[in-house]
Protein backbone atom coordinates (compact mmCIF):
# COMPACT_ATOMS: atom_id res chain seq x y z
CA MET A 1 97.89 24.17 93.23
CA MET A 2 95.06 26.67 94.31
CA TYR A 3 93.76 26.46 97.83
CA GLY A 4 90.96 28.47 99.28
CA TYR A 5 90.79 29.53 102.87
CA CYS A 6 87.72 30.93 104.90
CA ARG A 7 87.28 32.29 108.35
CA VAL A 8 84.42 33.37 110.62
CA SER A 9 85.01 34.97 114.12
CA SER A 10 81.41 34.31 115.34
CA ASP A 11 78.45 32.31 114.07
CA LYS A 12 76.54 35.77 113.94
CA GLN A 13 78.23 36.69 110.89
CA ASP A 14 76.40 37.17 107.74
CA ASN A 15 79.47 36.11 105.94
CA SER A 16 79.12 32.40 106.83
CA LEU A 17 81.85 29.75 106.05
CA SER A 18 79.33 28.27 103.42
CA ALA A 19 78.81 31.57 101.65
CA GLN A 20 82.56 32.22 101.58
CA GLN A 21 83.00 28.66 100.31
CA ALA A 22 80.54 29.17 97.37
CA ARG A 23 81.95 32.63 96.39
CA LEU A 24 85.50 30.94 96.20
CA GLU A 25 84.19 28.06 94.10
CA GLU A 26 82.26 30.51 91.90
CA PHE A 27 85.79 32.50 91.39
CA ALA A 28 87.47 29.25 90.49
CA TRP A 29 84.90 28.26 88.15
CA GLN A 30 84.65 31.59 86.18
CA ALA A 31 88.41 31.80 86.04
CA TRP A 32 88.62 28.16 84.78
CA LEU A 33 90.84 27.01 87.56
CA GLU A 34 90.84 23.92 89.60
CA LEU A 35 90.34 24.53 93.50
CA PHE A 36 91.83 22.11 95.74
CA GLN A 37 89.06 20.31 97.79
CA PRO A 38 88.13 20.50 100.56
CA LEU A 39 88.59 24.19 101.16
CA PHE A 40 90.10 25.09 104.53
CA GLY A 41 87.88 27.18 106.98
CA ASP A 42 88.16 28.08 110.48
CA GLU A 43 85.01 28.92 112.57
CA ASP A 44 84.97 31.13 115.68
CA VAL A 45 88.43 32.19 115.24
CA SER A 46 89.45 35.96 115.46
CA GLY A 47 91.56 37.53 112.70
CA SER A 48 94.08 38.66 115.28
CA LEU A 49 95.22 34.97 115.53
CA PRO A 50 97.93 34.62 112.87
CA LEU A 51 97.06 31.99 110.04
CA LYS A 52 99.53 29.68 111.12
CA ARG A 53 98.19 29.33 114.76
CA ARG A 54 94.40 28.55 113.24
CA THR A 55 93.53 24.77 113.22
CA GLN A 56 92.72 24.97 109.40
CA GLY A 57 95.08 27.56 108.77
CA GLN A 58 98.05 25.48 110.00
CA LYS A 59 96.85 22.54 107.90
CA LEU A 60 96.93 24.99 104.97
CA TRP A 61 100.25 26.29 106.02
CA ASP A 62 101.57 22.85 106.10
CA ILE A 63 100.90 21.90 102.67
CA VAL A 64 101.32 25.12 100.60
CA GLN A 65 104.44 25.23 98.45
CA PRO A 66 106.05 28.04 96.68
CA GLY A 67 104.23 28.83 93.44
CA ASP A 68 100.86 27.79 94.75
CA ILE A 69 97.96 30.15 94.98
CA VAL A 70 95.89 31.00 98.10
CA VAL A 71 92.57 32.66 97.61
CA PHE A 72 90.39 34.44 100.26
CA THR A 73 86.98 36.22 99.89
CA LYS A 74 88.54 39.25 101.60
CA LEU A 75 92.08 39.96 102.96
CA ALA A 76 90.59 40.21 106.50
CA ARG A 77 89.45 36.47 106.32
CA GLY A 78 93.13 35.58 106.14
CA PHE A 79 94.98 38.15 107.78
CA ARG A 80 94.70 41.07 110.48
CA ASN A 81 96.24 43.60 108.06
CA MET A 82 98.36 44.18 105.02
CA VAL A 83 101.66 43.99 107.15
CA ASP A 84 100.48 40.43 108.36
CA ALA A 85 99.77 39.42 104.84
CA ALA A 86 103.22 40.68 103.56
CA ALA A 87 105.16 38.94 106.41
CA THR A 88 103.29 35.66 105.75
CA LEU A 89 103.85 35.78 102.00
CA GLN A 90 107.47 36.34 102.71
CA VAL A 91 107.75 33.26 104.86
CA LEU A 92 105.57 31.05 102.49
CA SER A 93 107.72 32.26 99.32
CA GLN A 94 110.99 31.02 100.56
């Protein structure tokens, strides 16, 4: 299964949830992949908060299984940095 996740830390960002969702849907369409709907998206949430502690991030965390794919428009939408991404991947792949 392929899931999409979006995040904005403020409503002033040009990179809105709807813009991120559109990019994820376009990616899936171009790659001939089916993207689980609805997409997961957190608004007004800082990237310093771990994915598992965000409202929609927790819902995603609860359903992702080893072998699933999670796509983001940018690494910074899902994780604070590469170390955070690697640690999360390690936990989710077990």
